[in-house]
PDB file of all heavy atoms in Angstrom:
ATOM      1  N   ILE A   1       6.441   6.073 -12.682  1.00  0.00           N
ATOM      2  CA  ILE A   1       7.211   5.046 -13.389  1.00  0.00           C
ATOM      3  C   ILE A   1       6.778   5.002 -14.847  1.00  0.00           C
ATOM      4  O   ILE A   1       5.704   5.470 -15.224  1.00  0.00           O
ATOM      5  CB  ILE A   1       7.058   3.649 -12.742  1.00  0.00           C
ATOM      6  CG1 ILE A   1       5.599   3.211 -12.713  1.00  0.00           C
ATOM      7  CG2 ILE A   1       7.664   3.633 -11.349  1.00  0.00           C
ATOM      8  CD1 ILE A   1       5.409   1.783 -12.214  1.00  0.00           C
ATOM      9  N   ASP A   2       7.621   4.415 -15.667  1.00  0.00           N
ATOM     10  CA  ASP A   2       7.343   4.214 -17.089  1.00  0.00           C
ATOM     11  C   ASP A   2       6.173   3.241 -17.252  1.00  0.00           C
ATOM     12  O   ASP A   2       5.991   2.339 -16.438  1.00  0.00           O
ATOM     13  CB  ASP A   2       8.621   3.653 -17.740  1.00  0.00           C
ATOM     14  CG  ASP A   2       8.467   3.469 -19.222  1.00  0.00           C
ATOM     15  OD1 ASP A   2       8.643   4.451 -19.960  1.00  0.00           O
ATOM     16  OD2 ASP A   2       8.152   2.330 -19.629  1.00  0.00           O
ATOM     17  N   GLU A   3       5.394   3.425 -18.301  1.00  0.00           N
ATOM     18  CA  GLU A   3       4.221   2.579 -18.552  1.00  0.00           C
ATOM     19  C   GLU A   3       4.585   1.090 -18.626  1.00  0.00           C
ATOM     20  O   GLU A   3       3.819   0.246 -18.165  1.00  0.00           O
ATOM     21  CB  GLU A   3       3.525   2.998 -19.857  1.00  0.00           C
ATOM     22  CG  GLU A   3       3.000   4.411 -19.853  1.00  0.00           C
ATOM     23  CD  GLU A   3       1.629   4.532 -19.236  1.00  0.00           C
ATOM     24  OE1 GLU A   3       0.959   3.515 -19.015  1.00  0.00           O
ATOM     25  OE2 GLU A   3       1.217   5.677 -18.976  1.00  0.00           O
ATOM     26  N   ASN A   4       5.735   0.758 -19.214  1.00  0.00           N
ATOM     27  CA  ASN A   4       6.140  -0.653 -19.320  1.00  0.00           C
ATOM     28  C   ASN A   4       6.384  -1.268 -17.946  1.00  0.00           C
ATOM     29  O   ASN A   4       6.009  -2.409 -17.686  1.00  0.00           O
ATOM     30  CB  ASN A   4       7.386  -0.809 -20.191  1.00  0.00           C
ATOM     31  CG  ASN A   4       7.113  -0.475 -21.642  1.00  0.00           C
ATOM     32  OD1 ASN A   4       5.977  -0.597 -22.104  1.00  0.00           O
ATOM     33  ND2 ASN A   4       8.133  -0.027 -22.346  1.00  0.00           N
ATOM     34  N   ILE A   5       7.008  -0.496 -17.064  1.00  0.00           N
ATOM     35  CA  ILE A   5       7.243  -0.987 -15.709  1.00  0.00           C
ATOM     36  C   ILE A   5       5.912  -1.080 -14.964  1.00  0.00           C
ATOM     37  O   ILE A   5       5.695  -2.003 -14.179  1.00  0.00           O
ATOM     38  CB  ILE A   5       8.263  -0.104 -14.962  1.00  0.00           C
ATOM     39  CG1 ILE A   5       9.623  -0.179 -15.665  1.00  0.00           C
ATOM     40  CG2 ILE A   5       8.395  -0.518 -13.511  1.00  0.00           C
ATOM     41  CD1 ILE A   5      10.660   0.777 -15.140  1.00  0.00           C
ATOM     42  N   ALA A   6       5.000  -0.160 -15.249  1.00  0.00           N
ATOM     43  CA  ALA A   6       3.668  -0.216 -14.635  1.00  0.00           C
ATOM     44  C   ALA A   6       2.976  -1.526 -15.005  1.00  0.00           C
ATOM     45  O   ALA A   6       2.334  -2.153 -14.153  1.00  0.00           O
ATOM     46  CB  ALA A   6       2.829   0.981 -15.072  1.00  0.00           C
ATOM     47  N   ASP A   7       3.118  -1.945 -16.246  1.00  0.00           N
ATOM     48  CA  ASP A   7       2.540  -3.233 -16.666  1.00  0.00           C
ATOM     49  C   ASP A   7       3.180  -4.385 -15.898  1.00  0.00           C
ATOM     50  O   ASP A   7       2.494  -5.326 -15.485  1.00  0.00           O
ATOM     51  CB  ASP A   7       2.717  -3.450 -18.176  1.00  0.00           C
ATOM     52  CG  ASP A   7       1.854  -2.504 -19.006  1.00  0.00           C
ATOM     53  OD1 ASP A   7       0.868  -1.956 -18.464  1.00  0.00           O
ATOM     54  OD2 ASP A   7       2.186  -2.314 -20.198  1.00  0.00           O
ATOM     55  N   ASP A   8       4.506  -4.305 -15.686  1.00  0.00           N
ATOM     56  CA  ASP A   8       5.207  -5.352 -14.927  1.00  0.00           C
ATOM     57  C   ASP A   8       4.718  -5.391 -13.480  1.00  0.00           C
ATOM     58  O   ASP A   8       4.537  -6.468 -12.904  1.00  0.00           O
ATOM     59  CB  ASP A   8       6.723  -5.113 -14.947  1.00  0.00           C
ATOM     60  CG  ASP A   8       7.332  -5.299 -16.328  1.00  0.00           C
ATOM     61  OD1 ASP A   8       6.670  -5.910 -17.205  1.00  0.00           O
ATOM     62  OD2 ASP A   8       8.465  -4.818 -16.537  1.00  0.00           O
ATOM     63  N   VAL A   9       4.486  -4.221 -12.890  1.00  0.00           N
ATOM     64  CA  VAL A   9       3.980  -4.154 -11.524  1.00  0.00           C
ATOM     65  C   VAL A   9       2.594  -4.784 -11.461  1.00  0.00           C
ATOM     66  O   VAL A   9       2.311  -5.608 -10.583  1.00  0.00           O
ATOM     67  CB  VAL A   9       3.951  -2.693 -11.004  1.00  0.00           C
ATOM     68  CG1 VAL A   9       3.172  -2.588  -9.695  1.00  0.00           C
ATOM     69  CG2 VAL A   9       5.369  -2.162 -10.820  1.00  0.00           C
ATOM     70  N   ALA A  10       1.736  -4.419 -12.393  1.00  0.00           N
ATOM     71  CA  ALA A  10       0.370  -4.961 -12.409  1.00  0.00           C
ATOM     72  C   ALA A  10       0.397  -6.488 -12.533  1.00  0.00           C
ATOM     73  O   ALA A  10      -0.355  -7.182 -11.842  1.00  0.00           O
ATOM     74  CB  ALA A  10      -0.431  -4.341 -13.545  1.00  0.00           C
ATOM     75  N   MET A  11       1.264  -7.011 -13.388  1.00  0.00           N
ATOM     76  CA  MET A  11       1.357  -8.472 -13.554  1.00  0.00           C
ATOM     77  C   MET A  11       1.916  -9.141 -12.304  1.00  0.00           C
ATOM     78  O   MET A  11       1.453 -10.207 -11.906  1.00  0.00           O
ATOM     79  CB  MET A  11       2.191  -8.810 -14.787  1.00  0.00           C
ATOM     80  CG  MET A  11       1.430  -8.532 -16.065  1.00  0.00           C
ATOM     81  SD  MET A  11       2.202  -9.021 -17.636  1.00  0.00           S
ATOM     82  CE  MET A  11       3.757  -9.713 -17.227  1.00  0.00           C
ATOM     83  N   ALA A  12       2.906  -8.518 -11.681  1.00  0.00           N
ATOM     84  CA  ALA A  12       3.490  -9.096 -10.461  1.00  0.00           C
ATOM     85  C   ALA A  12       2.451  -9.149  -9.345  1.00  0.00           C
ATOM     86  O   ALA A  12       2.404 -10.119  -8.578  1.00  0.00           O
ATOM     87  CB  ALA A  12       4.717  -8.295 -10.028  1.00  0.00           C
ATOM     88  N   LEU A  13       1.616  -8.134  -9.250  1.00  0.00           N
ATOM     89  CA  LEU A  13       0.588  -8.115  -8.212  1.00  0.00           C
ATOM     90  C   LEU A  13      -0.466  -9.208  -8.439  1.00  0.00           C
ATOM     91  O   LEU A  13      -1.047  -9.714  -7.483  1.00  0.00           O
ATOM     92  CB  LEU A  13      -0.092  -6.743  -8.154  1.00  0.00           C
ATOM     93  CG  LEU A  13       0.786  -5.585  -7.670  1.00  0.00           C
ATOM     94  CD1 LEU A  13       0.067  -4.254  -7.849  1.00  0.00           C
ATOM     95  CD2 LEU A  13       1.208  -5.775  -6.222  1.00  0.00           C
ATOM     96  N   GLU A  14      -0.682  -9.580  -9.707  1.00  0.00           N
ATOM     97  CA  GLU A  14      -1.638 -10.657 -10.015  1.00  0.00           C
ATOM     98  C   GLU A  14      -1.244 -11.970  -9.352  1.00  0.00           C
ATOM     99  O   GLU A  14      -2.099 -12.799  -9.060  1.00  0.00           O
ATOM    100  CB  GLU A  14      -1.747 -10.869 -11.521  1.00  0.00           C
ATOM    101  CG  GLU A  14      -2.597  -9.857 -12.210  1.00  0.00           C
ATOM    102  CD  GLU A  14      -2.670 -10.099 -13.711  1.00  0.00           C
ATOM    103  OE1 GLU A  14      -2.334 -11.203 -14.183  1.00  0.00           O
ATOM    104  OE2 GLU A  14      -3.065  -9.157 -14.412  1.00  0.00           O
ATOM    105  N   GLY A  15       0.045 -12.184  -9.131  1.00  0.00           N
ATOM    106  CA  GLY A  15       0.526 -13.433  -8.566  1.00  0.00           C
ATOM    107  C   GLY A  15       0.396 -13.538  -7.063  1.00  0.00           C
ATOM    108  O   GLY A  15       0.768 -14.556  -6.475  1.00  0.00           O
ATOM    109  N   ILE A  16      -0.125 -12.520  -6.418  1.00  0.00           N
ATOM    110  CA  ILE A  16      -0.223 -12.540  -4.952  1.00  0.00           C
ATOM    111  C   ILE A  16      -1.354 -13.459  -4.517  1.00  0.00           C
ATOM    112  O   ILE A  16      -2.493 -13.324  -4.963  1.00  0.00           O
ATOM    113  CB  ILE A  16      -0.424 -11.122  -4.392  1.00  0.00           C
ATOM    114  CG1 ILE A  16       0.863 -10.318  -4.594  1.00  0.00           C
ATOM    115  CG2 ILE A  16      -0.828 -11.159  -2.914  1.00  0.00           C
ATOM    116  CD1 ILE A  16       0.783  -8.887  -4.140  1.00  0.00           C
ATOM    117  N   ASP A  17      -1.005 -14.387  -3.655  1.00  0.00           N
ATOM    118  CA  ASP A  17      -1.996 -15.286  -3.056  1.00  0.00           C
ATOM    119  C   ASP A  17      -2.017 -14.988  -1.564  1.00  0.00           C
ATOM    120  O   ASP A  17      -1.113 -15.367  -0.828  1.00  0.00           O
ATOM    121  CB  ASP A  17      -1.608 -16.743  -3.311  1.00  0.00           C
ATOM    122  CG  ASP A  17      -2.592 -17.726  -2.697  1.00  0.00           C
ATOM    123  OD1 ASP A  17      -3.757 -17.345  -2.481  1.00  0.00           O
ATOM    124  OD2 ASP A  17      -2.182 -18.867  -2.419  1.00  0.00           O
ATOM    125  N   ALA A  18      -3.030 -14.246  -1.140  1.00  0.00           N
ATOM    126  CA  ALA A  18      -3.130 -13.870   0.266  1.00  0.00           C
ATOM    127  C   ALA A  18      -4.597 -13.857   0.669  1.00  0.00           C
ATOM    128  O   ALA A  18      -5.485 -13.698  -0.166  1.00  0.00           O
ATOM    129  CB  ALA A  18      -2.512 -12.484   0.490  1.00  0.00           C
ATOM    130  N   GLY A  19      -4.794 -14.037   1.954  1.00  0.00           N
ATOM    131  CA  GLY A  19      -6.140 -14.026   2.485  1.00  0.00           C
ATOM    132  C   GLY A  19      -6.631 -12.621   2.758  1.00  0.00           C
ATOM    133  O   GLY A  19      -5.859 -11.665   2.762  1.00  0.00           O
ATOM    134  N   SER A  20      -7.929 -12.506   2.969  1.00  0.00           N
ATOM    135  CA  SER A  20      -8.503 -11.214   3.313  1.00  0.00           C
ATOM    136  C   SER A  20      -7.855 -10.709   4.605  1.00  0.00           C
ATOM    137  O   SER A  20      -7.330 -11.487   5.400  1.00  0.00           O
ATOM    138  CB  SER A  20     -10.018 -11.320   3.482  1.00  0.00           C
ATOM    139  OG  SER A  20     -10.338 -12.188   4.542  1.00  0.00           O
ATOM    140  N   ALA A  21      -7.882  -9.410   4.773  1.00  0.00           N
ATOM    141  CA  ALA A  21      -7.239  -8.795   5.932  1.00  0.00           C
ATOM    142  C   ALA A  21      -8.281  -8.077   6.772  1.00  0.00           C
ATOM    143  O   ALA A  21      -9.047  -7.265   6.257  1.00  0.00           O
ATOM    144  CB  ALA A  21      -6.157  -7.822   5.477  1.00  0.00           C
ATOM    145  N   GLU A  22      -8.295  -8.395   8.052  1.00  0.00           N
ATOM    146  CA  GLU A  22      -9.193  -7.700   8.972  1.00  0.00           C
ATOM    147  C   GLU A  22      -8.604  -6.319   9.264  1.00  0.00           C
ATOM    148  O   GLU A  22      -7.459  -6.200   9.710  1.00  0.00           O
ATOM    149  CB  GLU A  22      -9.328  -8.498  10.267  1.00  0.00           C
ATOM    150  CG  GLU A  22     -10.298  -7.883  11.242  1.00  0.00           C
ATOM    151  CD  GLU A  22     -10.400  -8.693  12.527  1.00  0.00           C
ATOM    152  OE1 GLU A  22      -9.698  -9.697  12.673  1.00  0.00           O
ATOM    153  OE2 GLU A  22     -11.196  -8.277  13.383  1.00  0.00           O
ATOM    154  N   ILE A  23      -9.393  -5.291   9.006  1.00  0.00           N
ATOM    155  CA  ILE A  23      -8.938  -3.918   9.212  1.00  0.00           C
ATOM    156  C   ILE A  23      -9.656  -3.337  10.425  1.00  0.00           C
ATOM    157  O   ILE A  23     -10.882  -3.352  10.505  1.00  0.00           O
ATOM    158  CB  ILE A  23      -9.227  -3.040   7.975  1.00  0.00           C
ATOM    159  CG1 ILE A  23      -8.576  -3.633   6.723  1.00  0.00           C
ATOM    160  CG2 ILE A  23      -8.780  -1.600   8.210  1.00  0.00           C
ATOM    161  CD1 ILE A  23      -7.066  -3.797   6.801  1.00  0.00           C
ATOM    162  N   ALA A  24      -8.862  -2.856  11.375  1.00  0.00           N
ATOM    163  CA  ALA A  24      -9.399  -2.225  12.577  1.00  0.00           C
ATOM    164  C   ALA A  24      -8.642  -0.918  12.794  1.00  0.00           C
ATOM    165  O   ALA A  24      -7.437  -0.842  12.561  1.00  0.00           O
ATOM    166  CB  ALA A  24      -9.235  -3.139  13.783  1.00  0.00           C
ATOM    167  N   PHE A  25      -9.364   0.096  13.206  1.00  0.00           N
ATOM    168  CA  PHE A  25      -8.751   1.405  13.437  1.00  0.00           C
ATOM    169  C   PHE A  25      -8.404   1.567  14.911  1.00  0.00           C
ATOM    170  O   PHE A  25      -9.110   1.083  15.786  1.00  0.00           O
ATOM    171  CB  PHE A  25      -9.701   2.515  12.984  1.00  0.00           C
ATOM    172  CG  PHE A  25      -9.923   2.503  11.497  1.00  0.00           C
ATOM    173  CD1 PHE A  25     -11.054   1.911  10.958  1.00  0.00           C
ATOM    174  CD2 PHE A  25      -8.993   3.059  10.645  1.00  0.00           C
ATOM    175  CE1 PHE A  25     -11.260   1.884   9.588  1.00  0.00           C
ATOM    176  CE2 PHE A  25      -9.181   3.028   9.269  1.00  0.00           C
ATOM    177  CZ  PHE A  25     -10.319   2.444   8.740  1.00  0.00           C
ATOM    178  N   ASP A  26      -7.274   2.252  15.168  1.00  0.00           N
ATOM    179  CA  ASP A  26      -6.761   2.460  16.517  1.00  0.00           C
ATOM    180  C   ASP A  26      -6.680   3.932  16.884  1.00  0.00           C
ATOM    181  O   ASP A  26      -5.675   4.400  17.399  1.00  0.00           O
ATOM    182  CB  ASP A  26      -5.356   1.838  16.629  1.00  0.00           C
ATOM    183  CG  ASP A  26      -5.381   0.384  17.025  1.00  0.00           C
ATOM    184  OD1 ASP A  26      -6.391  -0.065  17.571  1.00  0.00           O
ATOM    185  OD2 ASP A  26      -4.384  -0.311  16.777  1.00  0.00           O
ATOM    186  N   GLY A  27      -7.710   4.688  16.586  1.00  0.00           N
ATOM    187  CA  GLY A  27      -7.735   6.087  16.977  1.00  0.00           C
ATOM    188  C   GLY A  27      -7.050   7.001  15.981  1.00  0.00           C
ATOM    189  O   GLY A  27      -6.676   6.600  14.887  1.00  0.00           O
ATOM    190  N   LEU A  28      -6.891   8.259  16.396  1.00  0.00           N
ATOM    191  CA  LEU A  28      -6.312   9.281  15.536  1.00  0.00           C
ATOM    192  C   LEU A  28      -4.941   9.693  16.040  1.00  0.00           C
ATOM    193  O   LEU A  28      -4.634   9.583  17.221  1.00  0.00           O
ATOM    194  CB  LEU A  28      -7.222  10.510  15.498  1.00  0.00           C
ATOM    195  CG  LEU A  28      -8.644  10.304  15.012  1.00  0.00           C
ATOM    196  CD1 LEU A  28      -9.393  11.636  15.006  1.00  0.00           C
ATOM    197  CD2 LEU A  28      -8.676   9.669  13.648  1.00  0.00           C
ATOM    198  N   SER A  29      -4.148  10.183  15.104  1.00  0.00           N
ATOM    199  CA  SER A  29      -2.827  10.696  15.428  1.00  0.00           C
ATOM    200  C   SER A  29      -2.459  11.711  14.345  1.00  0.00           C
ATOM    201  O   SER A  29      -3.297  12.054  13.511  1.00  0.00           O
ATOM    202  CB  SER A  29      -1.807   9.547  15.461  1.00  0.00           C
ATOM    203  OG  SER A  29      -0.564  10.016  15.931  1.00  0.00           O
ATOM    204  N   TRP A  30      -1.233  12.165  14.372  1.00  0.00           N
ATOM    205  CA  TRP A  30      -0.762  13.028  13.299  1.00  0.00           C
ATOM    206  C   TRP A  30       0.661  12.664  12.933  1.00  0.00           C
ATOM    207  O   TRP A  30       1.403  12.103  13.735  1.00  0.00           O
ATOM    208  CB  TRP A  30      -0.896  14.510  13.648  1.00  0.00           C
ATOM    209  CG  TRP A  30      -0.235  14.973  14.925  1.00  0.00           C
ATOM    210  CD1 TRP A  30      -0.796  15.022  16.157  1.00  0.00           C
ATOM    211  CD2 TRP A  30       1.105  15.461  15.077  1.00  0.00           C
ATOM    212  NE1 TRP A  30       0.107  15.508  17.071  1.00  0.00           N
ATOM    213  CE2 TRP A  30       1.271  15.786  16.430  1.00  0.00           C
ATOM    214  CE3 TRP A  30       2.161  15.653  14.199  1.00  0.00           C
ATOM    215  CZ2 TRP A  30       2.471  16.293  16.927  1.00  0.00           C
ATOM    216  CZ3 TRP A  30       3.360  16.168  14.689  1.00  0.00           C
ATOM    217  CH2 TRP A  30       3.496  16.479  16.046  1.00  0.00           C
ATOM    218  N   PHE A  31       1.019  12.951  11.690  1.00  0.00           N
ATOM    219  CA  PHE A  31       2.375  12.744  11.184  1.00  0.00           C
ATOM    220  C   PHE A  31       3.012  14.109  10.978  1.00  0.00           C
ATOM    221  O   PHE A  31       2.317  15.108  10.790  1.00  0.00           O
ATOM    222  CB  PHE A  31       2.366  12.002   9.852  1.00  0.00           C
ATOM    223  CG  PHE A  31       2.019  10.541   9.935  1.00  0.00           C
ATOM    224  CD1 PHE A  31       1.744   9.832   8.779  1.00  0.00           C
ATOM    225  CD2 PHE A  31       1.966   9.855  11.138  1.00  0.00           C
ATOM    226  CE1 PHE A  31       1.431   8.480   8.822  1.00  0.00           C
ATOM    227  CE2 PHE A  31       1.654   8.506  11.195  1.00  0.00           C
ATOM    228  CZ  PHE A  31       1.387   7.824  10.018  1.00  0.00           C
ATOM    229  N   GLY A  32       4.320  14.119  10.970  1.00  0.00           N
ATOM    230  CA  GLY A  32       5.087  15.339  10.727  1.00  0.00           C
ATOM    231  C   GLY A  32       6.306  15.349  11.611  1.00  0.00           C
ATOM    232  O   GLY A  32       6.724  14.320  12.141  1.00  0.00           O
ATOM    233  N   THR A  33       6.869  16.532  11.770  1.00  0.00           N
ATOM    234  CA  THR A  33       8.005  16.675  12.677  1.00  0.00           C
ATOM    235  C   THR A  33       7.467  17.045  14.059  1.00  0.00           C
ATOM    236  O   THR A  33       6.284  17.322  14.219  1.00  0.00           O
ATOM    237  CB  THR A  33       8.955  17.781  12.178  1.00  0.00           C
ATOM    238  OG1 THR A  33       8.285  19.037  12.249  1.00  0.00           O
ATOM    239  CG2 THR A  33       9.430  17.501  10.749  1.00  0.00           C
ATOM    240  N   ARG A  34       8.338  17.090  15.024  1.00  0.00           N
ATOM    241  CA  ARG A  34       7.917  17.429  16.395  1.00  0.00           C
ATOM    242  C   ARG A  34       7.256  18.793  16.483  1.00  0.00           C
ATOM    243  O   ARG A  34       6.409  19.034  17.327  1.00  0.00           O
ATOM    244  CB  ARG A  34       9.120  17.416  17.340  1.00  0.00           C
ATOM    245  CG  ARG A  34       9.614  16.059  17.652  1.00  0.00           C
ATOM    246  CD  ARG A  34      10.737  16.156  18.642  1.00  0.00           C
ATOM    247  NE  ARG A  34      11.371  14.853  18.766  1.00  0.00           N
ATOM    248  CZ  ARG A  34      12.116  14.519  19.768  1.00  0.00           C
ATOM    249  NH1 ARG A  34      12.351  15.376  20.735  1.00  0.00           N
ATOM    250  NH2 ARG A  34      12.652  13.312  19.812  1.00  0.00           N
ATOM    251  N   SER A  35       7.657  19.690  15.600  1.00  0.00           N
ATOM    252  CA  SER A  35       7.135  21.055  15.673  1.00  0.00           C
ATOM    253  C   SER A  35       6.176  21.417  14.542  1.00  0.00           C
ATOM    254  O   SER A  35       5.593  22.488  14.558  1.00  0.00           O
ATOM    255  CB  SER A  35       8.300  22.055  15.664  1.00  0.00           C
ATOM    256  OG  SER A  35       9.032  21.923  14.459  1.00  0.00           O
ATOM    257  N   ARG A  36       5.998  20.521  13.566  1.00  0.00           N
ATOM    258  CA  ARG A  36       5.146  20.864  12.430  1.00  0.00           C
ATOM    259  C   ARG A  36       4.364  19.642  11.944  1.00  0.00           C
ATOM    260  O   ARG A  36       4.871  18.831  11.179  1.00  0.00           O
ATOM    261  CB  ARG A  36       5.983  21.421  11.291  1.00  0.00           C
ATOM    262  CG  ARG A  36       5.128  21.767  10.075  1.00  0.00           C
ATOM    263  CD  ARG A  36       5.868  22.530   9.063  1.00  0.00           C
ATOM    264  NE  ARG A  36       5.955  23.904   9.548  1.00  0.00           N
ATOM    265  CZ  ARG A  36       6.767  24.800   9.056  1.00  0.00           C
ATOM    266  NH1 ARG A  36       7.572  24.502   8.080  1.00  0.00           N
ATOM    267  NH2 ARG A  36       6.780  26.020   9.537  1.00  0.00           N
TER     268      ARG A  36
END
């Protein structure tokens, strides 16, 4: 993205009011197509 829009994104993210998030892992997998 353009630098000016990047500044807008950074400012918009500043306004987020959210609590901490508990992160837990659920094993391994893979992404891709069925054959690749």
